[in-house]
Amino acid sequence: MLSHRFFSVALACCAFACSRGEASPNADNSARAKPGAAAATTPATTTAATNAAKPDTLAVAADHGRVMGSDTASTWLLVVSDFQCPWCKMWHDSTFPALKKEYVDPGKLRVAYINFPLGMHANAWPSALAAMCASAQGKFWPTHDRIFETQATWEKMAKPEAYFDSLAIASGADAARQHECVQKRSTLQLVQADQARASKSGAQTTPTFFVGGAMIEGAQPVKLFRHVIDSVLTASTRK
């Protein structure tokens, strides 16, 4: 279960980002995100609360699966993102690999992916649900990478679910479990809780990042992230 909290101190202007706009993100025509109390809880807690008699172990596993980094790292980088946002892909391709190598792999930083599917992107919800289903099997990050890598292929598909299933399966997910999870929308409430909590914390565009006490908006260059992360790490060692 994620134990971090969101911050709302804006660090950079909103550039190189996808705007939420006026459309309300939907999983389909009948399932809408429900902001409010869910924003103050973790996704796993929110989902499990819907079935108190039987805790939702799938949601808990999916919640854990989208975290990367050492358990001993005290500093978090929260990535609020939309798989169909071109600026999110740009950040994933150009900046994330360097941050992973320099901060995550050495155990200095933990990363959590927070879903913020935008209504302007037709396949943002299907991609988020599929990625979190893969996360429940411990295959979030390789599926995450494949979804971004193939964005140009699936972004205009009328029904991309089977394609997303294939990406998760290629990443090592069990085909039957992945298909069932996607068909039942088993991770819907988890994604809704992500979106509501991020929105409440000040995220209006994708990508948005929270690190230490700062919020960074847009696909900013790696130099800016290094400056912020180094500042947070230095401050934490002085406490």
C-alpha atoms as a PDB file:
ATOM      1  CA  MET A   1       0.000   0.000   0.000  1.00  0.00           C
ATOM      2  CA  LEU A   2       1.368   3.432  -0.887  1.00  0.00           C
ATOM      3  CA  SER A   3       2.233   5.374   2.236  1.00  0.00           C
ATOM      4  CA  HIS A   4       3.198   8.681   0.622  1.00  0.00           C
ATOM      5  CA  ARG A   5       1.134  11.869   0.389  1.00  0.00           C
ATOM      6  CA  PHE A   6       0.668  14.427  -2.348  1.00  0.00           C
ATOM      7  CA  PHE A   7       2.022  17.974  -2.275  1.00  0.00           C
ATOM      8  CA  SER A   8       0.755  21.084  -4.011  1.00  0.00           C
ATOM      9  CA  VAL A   9       3.706  23.465  -4.345  1.00  0.00           C
ATOM     10  CA  ALA A  10       4.071  24.372  -8.022  1.00  0.00           C
ATOM     11  CA  LEU A  11       7.699  24.418  -9.153  1.00  0.00           C
ATOM     12  CA  ALA A  12       7.551  24.855 -12.906  1.00  0.00           C
ATOM     13  CA  CYS A  13       5.172  26.421 -15.366  1.00  0.00           C
ATOM     14  CA  CYS A  14       2.805  24.139 -17.210  1.00  0.00           C
ATOM     15  CA  ALA A  15       4.676  23.436 -20.436  1.00  0.00           C
ATOM     16  CA  PHE A  16       5.025  20.283 -22.483  1.00  0.00           C
ATOM     17  CA  ALA A  17       1.883  18.799 -20.953  1.00  0.00           C
ATOM     18  CA  CYS A  18      -1.543  17.485 -21.901  1.00  0.00           C
ATOM     19  CA  SER A  19      -4.401  19.562 -20.489  1.00  0.00           C
ATOM     20  CA  ARG A  20      -7.386  17.959 -18.816  1.00  0.00           C
ATOM     21  CA  GLY A  21      -9.757  20.253 -20.680  1.00  0.00           C
ATOM     22  CA  GLU A  22     -13.514  20.110 -20.215  1.00  0.00           C
ATOM     23  CA  ALA A  23     -14.140  16.427 -20.840  1.00  0.00           C
ATOM     24  CA  SER A  24     -14.684  14.186 -17.834  1.00  0.00           C
ATOM     25  CA  PRO A  25     -12.528  11.042 -18.128  1.00  0.00           C
ATOM     26  CA  ASN A  26     -14.610   7.865 -18.365  1.00  0.00           C
ATOM     27  CA  ALA A  27     -13.816   4.183 -18.229  1.00  0.00           C
ATOM     28  CA  ASP A  28     -16.773   3.731 -20.583  1.00  0.00           C
ATOM     29  CA  ASN A  29     -20.124   5.437 -21.129  1.00  0.00           C
ATOM     30  CA  SER A  30     -21.488   4.283 -17.791  1.00  0.00           C
ATOM     31  CA  ALA A  31     -18.536   4.322 -15.372  1.00  0.00           C
ATOM     32  CA  ARG A  32     -17.336   7.774 -14.322  1.00  0.00           C
ATOM     33  CA  ALA A  33     -14.583   8.800 -11.941  1.00  0.00           C
ATOM     34  CA  LYS A  34     -15.920   9.789  -8.526  1.00  0.00           C
ATOM     35  CA  PRO A  35     -13.699  12.337  -6.767  1.00  0.00           C
ATOM     36  CA  GLY A  36     -14.092  13.163  -3.099  1.00  0.00           C
ATOM     37  CA  ALA A  37     -13.220  11.030  -0.105  1.00  0.00           C
ATOM     38  CA  ALA A  38     -11.176   8.640  -2.212  1.00  0.00           C
ATOM     39  CA  ALA A  39      -8.594  11.371  -2.709  1.00  0.00           C
ATOM     40  CA  ALA A  40      -7.542  11.119   0.935  1.00  0.00           C
ATOM     41  CA  THR A  41      -6.926   7.353   0.870  1.00  0.00           C
ATOM     42  CA  THR A  42      -4.686   4.986  -0.997  1.00  0.00           C
ATOM     43  CA  PRO A  43      -6.119   3.196  -4.043  1.00  0.00           C
ATOM     44  CA  ALA A  44      -5.921  -0.212  -2.396  1.00  0.00           C
ATOM     45  CA  THR A  45      -7.673   1.020   0.727  1.00  0.00           C
ATOM     46  CA  THR A  46     -10.412   2.652  -1.309  1.00  0.00           C
ATOM     47  CA  THR A  47     -11.047  -0.418  -3.423  1.00  0.00           C
ATOM     48  CA  ALA A  48     -10.950  -2.847  -0.526  1.00  0.00           C
ATOM     49  CA  ALA A  49     -13.437  -0.725   1.398  1.00  0.00           C
ATOM     50  CA  THR A  50     -16.110  -1.573  -1.155  1.00  0.00           C
ATOM     51  CA  ASN A  51     -16.002  -5.171   0.027  1.00  0.00           C
ATOM     52  CA  ALA A  52     -15.132  -5.146   3.721  1.00  0.00           C
ATOM     53  CA  ALA A  53     -16.046  -8.799   4.192  1.00  0.00           C
ATOM     54  CA  LYS A  54     -13.567  -9.878   1.517  1.00  0.00           C
ATOM     55  CA  PRO A  55     -10.554  -7.577   1.034  1.00  0.00           C
ATOM     56  CA  ASP A  56      -9.720  -6.970  -2.609  1.00  0.00           C
ATOM     57  CA  THR A  57      -6.355  -8.691  -2.821  1.00  0.00           C
ATOM     58  CA  LEU A  58      -6.126  -7.949  -6.559  1.00  0.00           C
ATOM     59  CA  ALA A  59      -6.323  -4.201  -5.914  1.00  0.00           C
ATOM     60  CA  VAL A  60      -3.735  -4.425  -3.139  1.00  0.00           C
ATOM     61  CA  ALA A  61      -1.373  -6.340  -5.434  1.00  0.00           C
ATOM     62  CA  ALA A  62      -1.936  -3.839  -8.246  1.00  0.00           C
ATOM     63  CA  ASP A  63      -1.258  -0.962  -5.863  1.00  0.00           C
ATOM     64  CA  HIS A  64       2.060  -2.471  -4.792  1.00  0.00           C
ATOM     65  CA  GLY A  65       2.985  -3.479  -8.339  1.00  0.00           C
ATOM     66  CA  ARG A  66       3.241   0.085  -9.667  1.00  0.00           C
ATOM     67  CA  VAL A  67       5.942   1.019  -7.119  1.00  0.00           C
ATOM     68  CA  MET A  68       9.592   0.879  -8.152  1.00  0.00           C
ATOM     69  CA  GLY A  69      12.646   1.199  -5.933  1.00  0.00           C
ATOM     70  CA  SER A  70      14.128   0.152  -2.631  1.00  0.00           C
ATOM     71  CA  ASP A  71      11.902  -0.096   0.431  1.00  0.00           C
ATOM     72  CA  THR A  72      14.565   1.824   2.340  1.00  0.00           C
ATOM     73  CA  ALA A  73      14.399   4.897   0.079  1.00  0.00           C
ATOM     74  CA  SER A  74      12.630   7.653   1.998  1.00  0.00           C
ATOM     75  CA  THR A  75      12.102  10.006  -0.959  1.00  0.00           C
ATOM     76  CA  TRP A  76       9.291   9.456  -3.434  1.00  0.00           C
ATOM     77  CA  LEU A  77       8.814  10.554  -7.024  1.00  0.00           C
ATOM     78  CA  LEU A  78       5.118  10.350  -7.892  1.00  0.00           C
ATOM     79  CA  VAL A  79       4.466  10.261 -11.629  1.00  0.00           C
ATOM     80  CA  VAL A  80       0.942  11.436 -12.488  1.00  0.00           C
ATOM     81  CA  SER A  81       0.504  10.310 -16.058  1.00  0.00           C
ATOM     82  CA  ASP A  82      -1.757   9.345 -18.959  1.00  0.00           C
ATOM     83  CA  PHE A  83      -0.545   6.598 -21.286  1.00  0.00           C
ATOM     84  CA  GLN A  84      -1.971   8.355 -24.361  1.00  0.00           C
ATOM     85  CA  CYS A  85      -0.457  11.756 -23.570  1.00  0.00           C
ATOM     86  CA  PRO A  86       2.400  12.416 -26.034  1.00  0.00           C
ATOM     87  CA  TRP A  87       4.269  14.517 -23.464  1.00  0.00           C
ATOM     88  CA  CYS A  88       4.081  11.648 -20.975  1.00  0.00           C
ATOM     89  CA  LYS A  89       5.645   9.390 -23.600  1.00  0.00           C
ATOM     90  CA  MET A  90       8.338  11.981 -24.280  1.00  0.00           C
ATOM     91  CA  TRP A  91       9.218  12.141 -20.572  1.00  0.00           C
ATOM     92  CA  HIS A  92       9.191   8.344 -20.346  1.00  0.00           C
ATOM     93  CA  ASP A  93      11.523   8.066 -23.333  1.00  0.00           C
ATOM     94  CA  SER A  94      13.911  10.944 -22.635  1.00  0.00           C
ATOM     95  CA  THR A  95      14.035  11.571 -18.883  1.00  0.00           C
ATOM     96  CA  PHE A  96      12.859   8.567 -16.902  1.00  0.00           C
ATOM     97  CA  PRO A  97      15.729   6.215 -17.924  1.00  0.00           C
ATOM     98  CA  ALA A  98      18.326   8.649 -16.555  1.00  0.00           C
ATOM     99  CA  LEU A  99      16.446   9.147 -13.280  1.00  0.00           C
ATOM    100  CA  LYS A 100      16.052   5.402 -12.861  1.00  0.00           C
ATOM    101  CA  LYS A 101      19.762   4.817 -13.388  1.00  0.00           C
ATOM    102  CA  GLU A 102      20.928   7.694 -11.186  1.00  0.00           C
ATOM    103  CA  TYR A 103      18.433   7.574  -8.316  1.00  0.00           C
ATOM    104  CA  VAL A 104      16.176   4.515  -8.334  1.00  0.00           C
ATOM    105  CA  ASP A 105      18.703   1.764  -9.040  1.00  0.00           C
ATOM    106  CA  PRO A 106      21.138   3.007  -6.328  1.00  0.00           C
ATOM    107  CA  GLY A 107      18.295   2.971  -3.778  1.00  0.00           C
ATOM    108  CA  LYS A 108      17.942   6.728  -3.328  1.00  0.00           C
ATOM    109  CA  LEU A 109      14.431   7.153  -4.725  1.00  0.00           C
ATOM    110  CA  ARG A 110      11.139   5.271  -4.917  1.00  0.00           C
ATOM    111  CA  VAL A 111       8.795   5.839  -7.839  1.00  0.00           C
ATOM    112  CA  ALA A 112       5.037   5.328  -7.988  1.00  0.00           C
ATOM    113  CA  TYR A 113       2.932   5.663 -11.117  1.00  0.00           C
ATOM    114  CA  ILE A 114      -0.372   7.481 -10.515  1.00  0.00           C
ATOM    115  CA  ASN A 115      -3.044   7.135 -13.193  1.00  0.00           C
ATOM    116  CA  PHE A 116      -4.623  10.325 -14.511  1.00  0.00           C
ATOM    117  CA  PRO A 117      -6.421   9.340 -17.741  1.00  0.00           C
ATOM    118  CA  LEU A 118      -7.720  12.387 -19.581  1.00  0.00           C
ATOM    119  CA  GLY A 119     -11.108  12.561 -21.263  1.00  0.00           C
ATOM    120  CA  MET A 120      -9.532  14.015 -24.395  1.00  0.00           C
ATOM    121  CA  HIS A 121      -7.747  10.692 -25.013  1.00  0.00           C
ATOM    122  CA  ALA A 122     -10.082   7.925 -26.162  1.00  0.00           C
ATOM    123  CA  ASN A 123      -7.824   5.068 -25.079  1.00  0.00           C
ATOM    124  CA  ALA A 124      -6.422   6.553 -21.883  1.00  0.00           C
ATOM    125  CA  TRP A 125      -8.802   4.572 -19.680  1.00  0.00           C
ATOM    126  CA  PRO A 126      -8.392   1.190 -21.422  1.00  0.00           C
ATOM    127  CA  SER A 127      -4.599   1.524 -21.234  1.00  0.00           C
ATOM    128  CA  ALA A 128      -4.689   2.462 -17.544  1.00  0.00           C
ATOM    129  CA  LEU A 129      -6.990  -0.436 -16.646  1.00  0.00           C
ATOM    130  CA  ALA A 130      -4.852  -2.910 -18.593  1.00  0.00           C
ATOM    131  CA  ALA A 131      -1.628  -1.654 -17.014  1.00  0.00           C
ATOM    132  CA  MET A 132      -3.058  -1.982 -13.523  1.00  0.00           C
ATOM    133  CA  CYS A 133      -4.333  -5.479 -14.273  1.00  0.00           C
ATOM    134  CA  ALA A 134      -0.777  -6.353 -15.278  1.00  0.00           C
ATOM    135  CA  SER A 135       0.386  -4.685 -12.062  1.00  0.00           C
ATOM    136  CA  ALA A 136      -1.733  -7.120 -10.064  1.00  0.00           C
ATOM    137  CA  GLN A 137       0.495  -9.859 -11.499  1.00  0.00           C
ATOM    138  CA  GLY A 138       3.707  -7.964 -10.765  1.00  0.00           C
ATOM    139  CA  LYS A 139       4.159  -6.965 -14.422  1.00  0.00           C
ATOM    140  CA  PHE A 140       3.326  -3.261 -14.307  1.00  0.00           C
ATOM    141  CA  TRP A 141       6.662  -1.740 -15.303  1.00  0.00           C
ATOM    142  CA  PRO A 142       7.427  -3.874 -18.372  1.00  0.00           C
ATOM    143  CA  THR A 143       3.808  -3.429 -19.504  1.00  0.00           C
ATOM    144  CA  HIS A 144       4.057   0.312 -18.801  1.00  0.00           C
ATOM    145  CA  ASP A 145       7.134   0.480 -21.030  1.00  0.00           C
ATOM    146  CA  ARG A 146       5.498  -1.444 -23.857  1.00  0.00           C
ATOM    147  CA  ILE A 147       2.354   0.704 -23.737  1.00  0.00           C
ATOM    148  CA  PHE A 148       4.378   3.885 -24.120  1.00  0.00           C
ATOM    149  CA  GLU A 149       6.640   2.369 -26.766  1.00  0.00           C
ATOM    150  CA  THR A 150       3.647   1.416 -28.935  1.00  0.00           C
ATOM    151  CA  GLN A 151       1.541   4.531 -28.362  1.00  0.00           C
ATOM    152  CA  ALA A 152       1.444   5.392 -32.068  1.00  0.00           C
ATOM    153  CA  THR A 153       0.057   1.927 -32.834  1.00  0.00           C
ATOM    154  CA  TRP A 154      -2.869   1.801 -30.386  1.00  0.00           C
ATOM    155  CA  GLU A 155      -3.882   5.427 -29.851  1.00  0.00           C
ATOM    156  CA  LYS A 156      -6.424   5.409 -32.700  1.00  0.00           C
ATOM    157  CA  MET A 157      -7.736   1.875 -32.238  1.00  0.00           C
ATOM    158  CA  ALA A 158     -11.506   1.632 -31.782  1.00  0.00           C
ATOM    159  CA  LYS A 159     -11.172  -1.359 -29.440  1.00  0.00           C
ATOM    160  CA  PRO A 160      -7.612  -1.585 -28.068  1.00  0.00           C
ATOM    161  CA  GLU A 161      -8.238  -4.001 -25.176  1.00  0.00           C
ATOM    162  CA  ALA A 162      -6.944  -7.096 -26.975  1.00  0.00           C
ATOM    163  CA  TYR A 163      -3.827  -5.229 -28.010  1.00  0.00           C
ATOM    164  CA  PHE A 164      -3.156  -4.108 -24.445  1.00  0.00           C
ATOM    165  CA  ASP A 165      -3.680  -7.696 -23.297  1.00  0.00           C
ATOM    166  CA  SER A 166      -1.019  -8.792 -25.767  1.00  0.00           C
ATOM    167  CA  LEU A 167       1.432  -6.236 -24.363  1.00  0.00           C
ATOM    168  CA  ALA A 168       0.828  -7.457 -20.814  1.00  0.00           C
ATOM    169  CA  ILE A 169       1.210 -11.086 -21.885  1.00  0.00           C
ATOM    170  CA  ALA A 170       4.452 -10.224 -23.698  1.00  0.00           C
ATOM    171  CA  SER A 171       5.594  -8.716 -20.395  1.00  0.00           C
ATOM    172  CA  GLY A 172       4.991 -11.997 -18.587  1.00  0.00           C
ATOM    173  CA  ALA A 173       1.373 -11.700 -17.388  1.00  0.00           C
ATOM    174  CA  ASP A 174      -0.836 -14.771 -17.442  1.00  0.00           C
ATOM    175  CA  ALA A 175      -3.188 -14.455 -20.413  1.00  0.00           C
ATOM    176  CA  ALA A 176      -6.349 -15.779 -18.758  1.00  0.00           C
ATOM    177  CA  ARG A 177      -5.927 -13.691 -15.604  1.00  0.00           C
ATOM    178  CA  GLN A 178      -5.149 -10.559 -17.592  1.00  0.00           C
ATOM    179  CA  HIS A 179      -8.138 -10.992 -19.883  1.00  0.00           C
ATOM    180  CA  GLU A 180     -10.520 -11.638 -16.989  1.00  0.00           C
ATOM    181  CA  CYS A 181      -9.255  -8.627 -15.046  1.00  0.00           C
ATOM    182  CA  VAL A 182      -9.694  -6.312 -18.037  1.00  0.00           C
ATOM    183  CA  GLN A 183     -13.125  -7.688 -18.962  1.00  0.00           C
ATOM    184  CA  LYS A 184     -14.402  -7.261 -15.408  1.00  0.00           C
ATOM    185  CA  ARG A 185     -12.737  -3.829 -15.058  1.00  0.00           C
ATOM    186  CA  SER A 186     -11.334  -5.092 -11.789  1.00  0.00           C
ATOM    187  CA  THR A 187      -8.954  -2.140 -11.439  1.00  0.00           C
ATOM    188  CA  LEU A 188     -11.517   0.551 -12.263  1.00  0.00           C
ATOM    189  CA  GLN A 189     -11.955   1.853  -8.708  1.00  0.00           C
ATOM    190  CA  LEU A 190      -8.204   1.910  -8.166  1.00  0.00           C
ATOM    191  CA  VAL A 191      -7.689   4.102 -11.255  1.00  0.00           C
ATOM    192  CA  GLN A 192     -10.608   6.326 -10.250  1.00  0.00           C
ATOM    193  CA  ALA A 193      -9.077   6.783  -6.799  1.00  0.00           C
ATOM    194  CA  ASP A 194      -5.729   7.701  -8.375  1.00  0.00           C
ATOM    195  CA  GLN A 195      -7.386  10.317 -10.540  1.00  0.00           C
ATOM    196  CA  ALA A 196      -9.442  11.834  -7.748  1.00  0.00           C
ATOM    197  CA  ARG A 197      -6.522  12.014  -5.341  1.00  0.00           C
ATOM    198  CA  ALA A 198      -4.178  13.557  -7.918  1.00  0.00           C
ATOM    199  CA  SER A 199      -6.796  16.118  -8.894  1.00  0.00           C
ATOM    200  CA  LYS A 200      -7.390  17.059  -5.265  1.00  0.00           C
ATOM    201  CA  SER A 201      -3.651  17.512  -4.817  1.00  0.00           C
ATOM    202  CA  GLY A 202      -3.467  20.028  -7.647  1.00  0.00           C
ATOM    203  CA  ALA A 203      -2.699  18.008 -10.769  1.00  0.00           C
ATOM    204  CA  GLN A 204      -4.443  19.483 -13.802  1.00  0.00           C
ATOM    205  CA  THR A 205      -2.211  18.262 -16.609  1.00  0.00           C
ATOM    206  CA  THR A 206      -0.117  15.264 -17.549  1.00  0.00           C
ATOM    207  CA  PRO A 207       2.559  14.583 -16.796  1.00  0.00           C
ATOM    208  CA  THR A 208       2.707  16.081 -13.300  1.00  0.00           C
ATOM    209  CA  PHE A 209       5.286  15.052 -10.707  1.00  0.00           C
ATOM    210  CA  PHE A 210       5.469  15.296  -6.931  1.00  0.00           C
ATOM    211  CA  VAL A 211       8.820  15.052  -5.174  1.00  0.00           C
ATOM    212  CA  GLY A 212       9.539  16.270  -1.675  1.00  0.00           C
ATOM    213  CA  GLY A 213       7.518  19.463  -1.235  1.00  0.00           C
ATOM    214  CA  ALA A 214       7.410  20.364  -4.924  1.00  0.00           C
ATOM    215  CA  MET A 215       5.041  19.807  -7.817  1.00  0.00           C
ATOM    216  CA  ILE A 216       6.597  19.799 -11.286  1.00  0.00           C
ATOM    217  CA  GLU A 217       4.281  20.221 -14.264  1.00  0.00           C
ATOM    218  CA  GLY A 218       5.066  19.041 -17.747  1.00  0.00           C
ATOM    219  CA  ALA A 219       7.796  16.982 -19.412  1.00  0.00           C
ATOM    220  CA  GLN A 220      10.593  19.092 -18.000  1.00  0.00           C
ATOM    221  CA  PRO A 221      14.238  18.255 -18.796  1.00  0.00           C
ATOM    222  CA  VAL A 222      16.239  15.864 -16.654  1.00  0.00           C
ATOM    223  CA  LYS A 223      18.387  18.733 -15.359  1.00  0.00           C
ATOM    224  CA  LEU A 224      15.396  20.177 -13.502  1.00  0.00           C
ATOM    225  CA  PHE A 225      14.514  16.823 -11.941  1.00  0.00           C
ATOM    226  CA  ARG A 226      18.093  16.325 -10.805  1.00  0.00           C
ATOM    227  CA  HIS A 227      18.067  19.732  -9.137  1.00  0.00           C
ATOM    228  CA  VAL A 228      14.820  19.063  -7.278  1.00  0.00           C
ATOM    229  CA  ILE A 229      15.641  15.494  -6.274  1.00  0.00           C
ATOM    230  CA  ASP A 230      19.147  16.417  -5.114  1.00  0.00           C
ATOM    231  CA  SER A 231      17.717  19.271  -3.059  1.00  0.00           C
ATOM    232  CA  VAL A 232      15.192  16.968  -1.404  1.00  0.00           C
ATOM    233  CA  LEU A 233      17.785  14.269  -0.717  1.00  0.00           C
ATOM    234  CA  THR A 234      20.191  16.812   0.784  1.00  0.00           C
ATOM    235  CA  ALA A 235      17.463  18.244   3.000  1.00  0.00           C
ATOM    236  CA  SER A 236      16.473  14.780   4.210  1.00  0.00           C
ATOM    237  CA  THR A 237      20.035  13.952   5.308  1.00  0.00           C
ATOM    238  CA  ARG A 238      20.168  17.094   7.440  1.00  0.00           C
ATOM    239  CA  LYS A 239      17.163  16.093   9.530  1.00  0.00           C
END
